[in-house]
């Protein structure tokens, strides 16, 4: 193995695959990244795998001799990150799994392990294939990922449910306290029915890749009953699907409402962030008071032995007055994901779900459960 590549390219691509290197690997070789050097394509391919999530990426280089080896991910990454931005020379010993890195600053040798011990990334060969625009996936993930559960005992809720029919895509996530649903029309090639739940961890890596994706080709989704593979350009993410029945979330969304407010999203967020400072001191609860006569929405917090706060803002109110309380974090996270300047808040009572929707742009529904106000 002998090749020359730029420090910048190598550093970028090591950073990408490092995110699937396990911190406590079951096998020593999984702490390494697989480096494949191809003299036919003049490309370097890096692969990492934690036995659930796999990431593969490749970039062009000047390859003199091909080869394959696994190298400690953290050690190589730390060395390359600190080198000056210039071309780096790599060569491998003929007799042992040692790679030598030469640059203007000097020379480093890193001992790796043979590639035979590294597990193959799972492939989806007989499954279904769908092509989806990068923009559709990115919008869906931005609007849903934040609402996944972090509770590993509720495995299926730690992922995003992806449902698709011809030209229609739906992303849904819930942690049991709130629900985010994003609907997209996509005509780039979704011509089959999809109903899968993808781990949040894999989708966060996909979101990172999509944020810097320069290509115009759609993302290819290959999936079978247990795996899904996302392919974009020279990058690939593979992950196991989450098992278990995803909740029937559509039946949770009310269809009729007794009260409706239209409010400025940024003004509402700013008020919540300010009053949230006090809410943090107590139980994270903020009370909203809807006043139909004055056409206002008031936010208040009572933090015993700490203090209290109240703010009022104008709103277009339809329906009767109501006091209703929420976890301030759930409100803020939902508002950050809603893309429009004005949002609609719809509710029925102080104990039933509240729906937040944008007034324009993305078709998104955010449902959040109120908390009981103690007298």
Protein backbone atom coordinates (compact mmCIF):
# COMPACT_ATOMS: atom_id res chain seq x y z
CA UNK A 1 0.00 0.00 0.00
CA UNK A 2 1.38 3.38 -1.04
CA UNK A 3 -0.52 6.63 -1.63
CA UNK A 4 -0.50 10.42 -1.28
CA UNK A 5 -3.54 12.39 -0.08
CA UNK A 6 -4.26 15.84 1.33
CA UNK A 7 -4.33 16.33 5.10
CA UNK A 8 -7.67 18.17 4.79
CA UNK A 9 -9.42 15.37 2.88
CA UNK A 10 -8.15 12.65 5.20
CA UNK A 11 -9.02 14.62 8.34
CA UNK A 12 -12.57 15.32 7.10
CA UNK A 13 -13.27 11.70 6.19
CA UNK A 14 -11.74 10.23 9.36
CA UNK A 15 -14.05 12.58 11.33
CA UNK A 16 -17.05 11.21 9.42
CA UNK A 17 -16.35 7.52 10.07
CA UNK A 18 -15.10 8.02 13.64
CA UNK A 19 -18.70 8.55 14.74
CA UNK A 20 -19.46 4.84 14.23
CA UNK A 21 -16.37 3.62 16.10
CA UNK A 22 -17.60 2.13 19.42
CA UNK A 23 -16.14 3.58 22.63
CA UNK A 24 -16.13 0.10 24.22
CA UNK A 25 -15.77 -2.34 21.31
CA UNK A 26 -16.72 -6.02 21.69
CA UNK A 27 -13.73 -6.92 19.50
CA UNK A 28 -10.42 -4.98 19.46
CA UNK A 29 -10.54 -4.59 15.66
CA UNK A 30 -13.76 -2.51 15.92
CA UNK A 31 -11.75 0.29 17.56
CA UNK A 32 -10.06 0.60 14.16
CA UNK A 33 -11.19 2.00 10.83
CA UNK A 34 -10.85 -0.09 7.70
CA UNK A 35 -8.66 1.66 5.11
CA UNK A 36 -9.00 0.38 1.55
CA UNK A 37 -6.69 1.87 -1.09
CA UNK A 38 -7.72 1.24 -4.72
CA UNK A 39 -5.20 1.85 -7.50
CA UNK A 40 -7.84 1.33 -10.24
CA UNK A 41 -10.24 4.06 -9.05
CA UNK A 42 -7.51 6.17 -7.37
CA UNK A 43 -9.69 6.41 -4.26
CA UNK A 44 -9.34 5.78 -0.52
CA UNK A 45 -12.35 4.19 1.22
CA UNK A 46 -12.73 4.41 5.01
CA UNK A 47 -15.19 2.20 6.91
CA UNK A 48 -16.29 2.02 10.56
CA UNK A 49 -18.82 -0.32 12.18
CA UNK A 50 -20.11 -0.76 15.73
CA UNK A 51 -22.11 -3.90 14.81
CA UNK A 52 -25.31 -1.86 14.50
CA UNK A 53 -24.31 1.32 12.66
CA UNK A 54 -21.81 1.40 9.81
CA UNK A 55 -20.41 4.42 7.96
CA UNK A 56 -18.40 4.31 4.75
CA UNK A 57 -16.89 7.25 2.86
CA UNK A 58 -14.33 7.64 0.08
CA UNK A 59 -12.22 10.39 -1.49
CA UNK A 60 -9.73 10.70 -4.33
CA UNK A 61 -5.97 10.37 -3.81
CA UNK A 62 -2.83 9.62 -5.80
CA UNK A 63 -2.51 5.84 -5.40
CA UNK A 64 0.69 4.08 -6.39
CA UNK A 65 -0.07 0.67 -4.85
CA UNK A 66 -3.40 -0.60 -3.55
CA UNK A 67 -3.95 -2.41 -0.28
CA UNK A 68 -6.21 -2.86 2.74
CA UNK A 69 -5.56 -2.53 6.48
CA UNK A 70 -7.30 -1.53 9.71
CA UNK A 71 -5.82 1.33 11.73
CA UNK A 72 -6.69 2.64 15.25
CA UNK A 73 -9.33 5.31 14.62
CA UNK A 74 -8.56 7.65 17.52
CA UNK A 75 -4.77 7.47 17.17
CA UNK A 76 -4.72 8.11 13.42
CA UNK A 77 -7.42 10.79 13.74
CA UNK A 78 -5.55 12.66 16.48
CA UNK A 79 -2.26 12.60 14.53
CA UNK A 80 -3.78 13.72 11.21
CA UNK A 81 -5.85 16.49 12.85
CA UNK A 82 -2.68 18.13 14.22
CA UNK A 83 -0.63 17.95 11.01
CA UNK A 84 -0.19 20.99 8.75
CA UNK A 85 -2.50 21.32 5.70
CA UNK A 86 -0.36 19.65 3.03
CA UNK A 87 0.03 16.39 1.11
CA UNK A 88 0.74 13.32 3.26
CA UNK A 89 2.66 10.23 2.10
CA UNK A 90 1.50 6.82 3.34
CA UNK A 91 3.14 3.45 2.88
CA UNK A 92 2.67 0.04 4.47
CA UNK A 93 5.35 -2.41 5.53
CA UNK A 94 5.53 -5.60 3.44
CA UNK A 95 6.03 -7.79 6.50
CA UNK A 96 3.67 -6.45 9.20
CA UNK A 97 0.48 -4.36 9.57
CA UNK A 98 2.29 -1.05 10.17
CA UNK A 99 1.51 2.13 8.23
CA UNK A 100 4.11 4.91 7.86
CA UNK A 101 2.97 8.52 7.47
CA UNK A 102 5.52 11.01 6.13
CA UNK A 103 5.04 14.78 6.02
CA UNK A 104 7.16 17.94 6.17
CA UNK A 105 7.11 17.80 9.98
CA UNK A 106 8.51 14.29 10.17
CA UNK A 107 7.46 10.65 10.17
CA UNK A 108 4.95 8.59 12.16
CA UNK A 109 4.40 4.86 12.31
CA UNK A 110 1.06 3.42 13.40
CA UNK A 111 0.50 -0.27 14.05
CA UNK A 112 -2.80 -1.62 12.74
CA UNK A 113 -4.47 -5.02 12.40
CA UNK A 114 -5.08 -7.24 9.39
CA UNK A 115 -8.28 -6.48 7.47
CA UNK A 116 -9.39 -10.15 7.54
CA UNK A 117 -10.56 -9.68 11.14
CA UNK A 118 -12.81 -6.72 10.27
CA UNK A 119 -16.53 -7.61 9.81
CA UNK A 120 -18.20 -6.83 6.49
CA UNK A 121 -20.81 -4.08 6.45
CA UNK A 122 -24.27 -5.63 6.01
CA UNK A 123 -25.59 -5.36 2.46
CA UNK A 124 -29.17 -5.15 1.25
CA UNK A 125 -29.18 -7.23 -1.92
CA UNK A 126 -32.74 -8.53 -2.27
CA UNK A 127 -34.61 -5.68 -0.59
CA UNK A 128 -36.52 -2.70 -1.94
CA UNK A 129 -34.97 0.49 -3.31
CA UNK A 130 -36.36 4.04 -3.16
CA UNK A 131 -34.79 7.30 -4.31
CA UNK A 132 -35.59 10.35 -2.19
CA UNK A 133 -34.33 13.91 -2.62
CA UNK A 134 -31.72 15.01 -0.07
CA UNK A 135 -33.82 18.10 0.69
CA UNK A 136 -36.88 15.99 1.62
CA UNK A 137 -34.90 13.79 3.99
CA UNK A 138 -33.12 16.75 5.60
CA UNK A 139 -36.38 18.63 6.21
CA UNK A 140 -37.99 15.50 7.63
CA UNK A 141 -35.10 14.87 10.00
CA UNK A 142 -34.90 18.50 11.16
CA UNK A 143 -38.60 18.42 11.98
CA UNK A 144 -38.74 15.04 13.72
CA UNK A 145 -35.40 13.82 15.12
CA UNK A 146 -35.51 16.06 18.21
CA UNK A 147 -38.70 14.35 19.45
CA UNK A 148 -37.22 10.83 19.66
CA UNK A 149 -36.91 9.21 23.08
CA UNK A 150 -33.54 8.84 24.83
CA UNK A 151 -34.91 5.99 26.96
CA UNK A 152 -33.27 2.79 25.70
CA UNK A 153 -35.97 0.68 27.40
CA UNK A 154 -38.44 2.08 24.83
CA UNK A 155 -36.30 0.97 21.88
CA UNK A 156 -38.80 1.64 19.09
CA UNK A 157 -39.31 5.23 20.33
CA UNK A 158 -35.57 6.01 20.03
CA UNK A 159 -35.99 6.09 16.25
CA UNK A 160 -37.91 7.98 13.57
CA UNK A 161 -40.75 6.18 11.82
CA UNK A 162 -40.56 6.61 8.06
CA UNK A 163 -43.77 5.98 6.13
CA UNK A 164 -43.93 6.47 2.38
CA UNK A 165 -46.38 6.00 -0.44
CA UNK A 166 -45.93 7.10 -4.06
CA UNK A 167 -44.76 10.76 -3.96
CA UNK A 168 -45.59 11.14 -0.25
CA UNK A 169 -43.16 10.88 2.66
CA UNK A 170 -43.93 11.07 6.37
CA UNK A 171 -41.43 11.29 9.24
CA UNK A 172 -42.75 10.76 12.78
CA UNK A 173 -41.08 10.72 16.20
CA UNK A 174 -42.46 10.57 19.73
CA UNK A 175 -41.08 10.05 23.23
CA UNK A 176 -44.50 9.58 24.84
CA UNK A 177 -44.80 13.25 25.90
CA UNK A 178 -44.75 14.91 22.48
CA UNK A 179 -45.06 13.92 18.81
CA UNK A 180 -43.54 15.51 15.71
CA UNK A 181 -44.86 14.61 12.24
CA UNK A 182 -43.46 16.02 8.99
CA UNK A 183 -45.11 15.39 5.63
CA UNK A 184 -43.32 15.94 2.34
CA UNK A 185 -44.35 15.59 -1.29
CA UNK A 186 -41.41 14.03 -3.13
CA UNK A 187 -41.46 13.11 -6.82
CA UNK A 188 -37.82 11.99 -7.10
CA UNK A 189 -38.60 8.30 -7.12
CA UNK A 190 -40.60 7.09 -4.11
CA UNK A 191 -42.88 4.66 -5.93
CA UNK A 192 -43.36 2.01 -3.28
CA UNK A 193 -44.77 1.63 0.20
CA UNK A 194 -42.34 2.00 3.13
CA UNK A 195 -43.04 1.50 6.84
CA UNK A 196 -39.82 1.30 8.85
CA UNK A 197 -38.40 2.70 12.10
CA UNK A 198 -34.78 3.86 11.80
CA UNK A 199 -32.54 4.41 14.88
CA UNK A 200 -32.09 8.06 15.82
CA UNK A 201 -28.31 7.62 16.11
CA UNK A 202 -28.00 6.59 12.45
CA UNK A 203 -30.29 9.41 11.31
CA UNK A 204 -28.26 12.02 13.21
CA UNK A 205 -25.20 10.88 11.23
CA UNK A 206 -27.23 11.00 8.01
CA UNK A 207 -28.36 14.54 8.87
CA UNK A 208 -24.72 15.59 9.36
CA UNK A 209 -23.74 14.18 5.97
CA UNK A 210 -26.72 15.78 4.23
CA UNK A 211 -25.87 19.22 5.62
CA UNK A 212 -22.63 19.21 3.60
CA UNK A 213 -23.88 17.09 0.65
CA UNK A 214 -23.14 18.93 -2.60
CA UNK A 215 -24.59 16.37 -5.02
CA UNK A 216 -27.81 16.74 -7.01
CA UNK A 217 -28.62 13.02 -7.19
CA UNK A 218 -31.30 11.73 -4.81
CA UNK A 219 -30.39 9.61 -1.80
CA UNK A 220 -30.86 5.88 -2.45
CA UNK A 221 -32.62 3.95 0.33
CA UNK A 222 -32.12 0.19 0.22
CA UNK A 223 -33.97 -1.79 2.83
CA UNK A 224 -35.10 -5.27 3.80
CA UNK A 225 -36.95 -6.43 6.94
CA UNK A 226 -33.91 -5.90 9.20
CA UNK A 227 -31.55 -3.34 7.59
CA UNK A 228 -31.57 -0.02 5.78
CA UNK A 229 -28.74 1.49 3.75
CA UNK A 230 -28.58 5.19 2.78
CA UNK A 231 -26.31 5.97 -0.18
CA UNK A 232 -25.40 9.54 -1.11
CA UNK A 233 -22.56 10.21 -3.49
CA UNK A 234 -19.45 8.39 -2.25
CA UNK A 235 -20.89 7.92 1.24
CA UNK A 236 -22.97 5.17 2.79
CA UNK A 237 -24.69 4.65 6.14
CA UNK A 238 -26.00 1.23 7.08
CA UNK A 239 -28.02 0.43 10.19
CA UNK A 240 -30.27 -2.19 11.70
CA UNK A 241 -33.94 -1.24 11.77
CA UNK A 242 -35.67 -1.02 15.13
CA UNK A 243 -37.95 -3.94 15.91
CA UNK A 244 -41.44 -3.65 17.34
CA UNK A 245 -44.73 -2.06 16.39
CA UNK A 246 -44.53 1.75 16.15
CA UNK A 247 -47.46 3.46 17.95
CA UNK A 248 -50.45 4.45 15.82
CA UNK A 249 -49.58 8.13 16.20
CA UNK A 250 -52.14 9.46 13.72
CA UNK A 251 -55.01 8.57 16.06
CA UNK A 252 -53.43 10.74 18.79
CA UNK A 253 -53.86 13.94 16.75
CA UNK A 254 -57.19 15.71 17.48
CA UNK A 255 -59.23 16.79 14.46
CA UNK A 256 -61.42 19.47 16.10
CA UNK A 257 -60.46 22.28 18.46
CA UNK A 258 -62.37 24.66 20.73
CA UNK A 259 -59.54 27.21 20.97
CA UNK A 260 -57.09 28.55 18.42
CA UNK A 261 -54.26 31.11 18.65
CA UNK A 262 -52.04 32.63 15.98
CA UNK A 263 -48.79 34.01 17.42
CA UNK A 264 -45.40 35.28 16.32
CA UNK A 265 -43.01 32.32 16.65
CA UNK A 266 -39.81 34.24 17.47
CA UNK A 267 -41.57 36.46 20.01
CA UNK A 268 -43.08 33.39 21.70
CA UNK A 269 -39.69 31.63 21.74
CA UNK A 270 -37.89 34.65 23.17
CA UNK A 271 -40.47 34.99 25.96
CA UNK A 272 -40.20 31.26 26.77
CA UNK A 273 -36.40 31.45 26.88
CA UNK A 274 -36.52 34.38 29.31
CA UNK A 275 -39.16 32.95 31.60
CA UNK A 276 -37.54 29.53 31.28
CA UNK A 277 -34.65 30.83 33.40
CA UNK A 278 -37.04 30.83 36.37
CA UNK A 279 -38.75 27.60 35.29
CA UNK A 280 -35.34 25.88 35.39
CA UNK A 281 -35.08 26.74 39.08
CA UNK A 282 -38.14 24.72 39.93
CA UNK A 283 -39.77 22.06 37.75
CA UNK A 284 -39.42 23.40 34.19
CA UNK A 285 -43.15 24.20 34.07
CA UNK A 286 -44.57 27.33 32.43
CA UNK A 287 -48.25 28.32 32.57
CA UNK A 288 -49.93 29.82 29.49
CA UNK A 289 -53.05 31.94 30.05
CA UNK A 290 -55.21 32.55 26.98
CA UNK A 291 -57.31 35.74 27.18
CA UNK A 292 -59.94 35.97 24.46
CA UNK A 293 -61.26 39.43 25.42
CA UNK A 294 -57.83 41.12 25.39
CA UNK A 295 -56.50 38.92 22.53
CA UNK A 296 -53.37 38.08 24.53
CA UNK A 297 -51.31 35.12 25.65
CA UNK A 298 -49.62 35.41 29.06
CA UNK A 299 -46.69 33.26 30.22
CA UNK A 300 -46.06 32.86 33.94
CA UNK A 301 -43.82 30.91 36.31
CA UNK A 302 -44.12 30.54 40.08
CA UNK A 303 -40.90 29.15 41.54
CA UNK A 304 -41.44 28.86 45.30
CA UNK A 305 -38.74 30.49 47.44
CA UNK A 306 -36.97 31.62 44.24
CA UNK A 307 -39.26 34.12 42.55
CA UNK A 308 -41.88 34.50 39.85
CA UNK A 309 -42.17 35.88 36.34
CA UNK A 310 -44.89 36.93 33.92
CA UNK A 311 -44.88 38.13 30.31
CA UNK A 312 -47.72 38.98 27.97
CA UNK A 313 -47.87 39.05 24.18
CA UNK A 314 -50.54 39.77 21.60
CA UNK A 315 -52.25 36.87 19.84
CA UNK A 316 -55.19 36.26 17.54
CA UNK A 317 -57.45 34.24 19.83
CA UNK A 318 -60.56 32.26 18.92
CA UNK A 319 -62.49 30.49 21.69
CA UNK A 320 -62.76 30.80 25.47
CA UNK A 321 -60.12 31.70 28.05
CA UNK A 322 -57.91 28.88 29.31
CA UNK A 323 -54.99 28.26 31.68
CA UNK A 324 -52.75 25.43 30.50
CA UNK A 325 -49.22 24.41 31.55
CA UNK A 326 -46.28 22.76 29.77
CA UNK A 327 -42.72 21.62 30.17
CA UNK A 328 -40.93 24.68 28.78
CA UNK A 329 -38.28 22.56 27.02
CA UNK A 330 -40.89 20.66 25.02
CA UNK A 331 -42.44 23.92 23.81
CA UNK A 332 -39.08 25.46 22.89
CA UNK A 333 -37.78 22.43 21.00
CA UNK A 334 -40.98 22.25 18.97
CA UNK A 335 -40.93 25.98 18.17
CA UNK A 336 -37.30 25.78 16.99
CA UNK A 337 -38.28 23.06 14.51
CA UNK A 338 -41.27 24.97 13.09
CA UNK A 339 -40.01 26.99 10.12
CA UNK A 340 -42.57 29.82 9.71
CA UNK A 341 -42.65 33.32 11.21
CA UNK A 342 -46.16 32.75 12.60
CA UNK A 343 -47.50 29.58 14.18
CA UNK A 344 -50.93 28.29 15.11
CA UNK A 345 -51.62 26.81 18.55
CA UNK A 346 -54.79 24.71 18.79
CA UNK A 347 -56.22 23.12 21.95
CA UNK A 348 -59.39 21.93 23.66
CA UNK A 349 -58.77 21.74 27.41
CA UNK A 350 -56.03 22.00 30.04
CA UNK A 351 -55.54 18.21 29.99
CA UNK A 352 -55.83 17.35 26.29
CA UNK A 353 -53.07 17.48 23.63
CA UNK A 354 -52.08 20.79 22.07
CA UNK A 355 -51.13 21.08 18.40
CA UNK A 356 -48.55 23.55 17.03
CA UNK A 357 -48.33 24.02 13.26
CA UNK A 358 -46.48 26.48 10.99
CA UNK A 359 -48.65 28.99 9.11
CA UNK A 360 -46.60 28.54 5.93
CA UNK A 361 -43.90 26.37 4.38
CA UNK A 362 -43.28 22.88 5.68
CA UNK A 363 -46.30 20.71 6.49
CA UNK A 364 -45.51 19.83 10.09
CA UNK A 365 -47.58 18.92 13.14
CA UNK A 366 -46.16 19.13 16.66
CA UNK A 367 -48.29 17.65 19.42
CA UNK A 368 -47.36 18.24 23.06
CA UNK A 369 -49.12 17.00 26.19
CA UNK A 370 -49.83 19.61 28.89
CA UNK A 371 -48.96 19.04 32.54
CA UNK A 372 -51.49 19.27 35.33
CA UNK A 373 -51.66 22.60 37.14
CA UNK A 374 -51.74 22.08 40.91
CA UNK A 375 -53.92 24.59 42.70
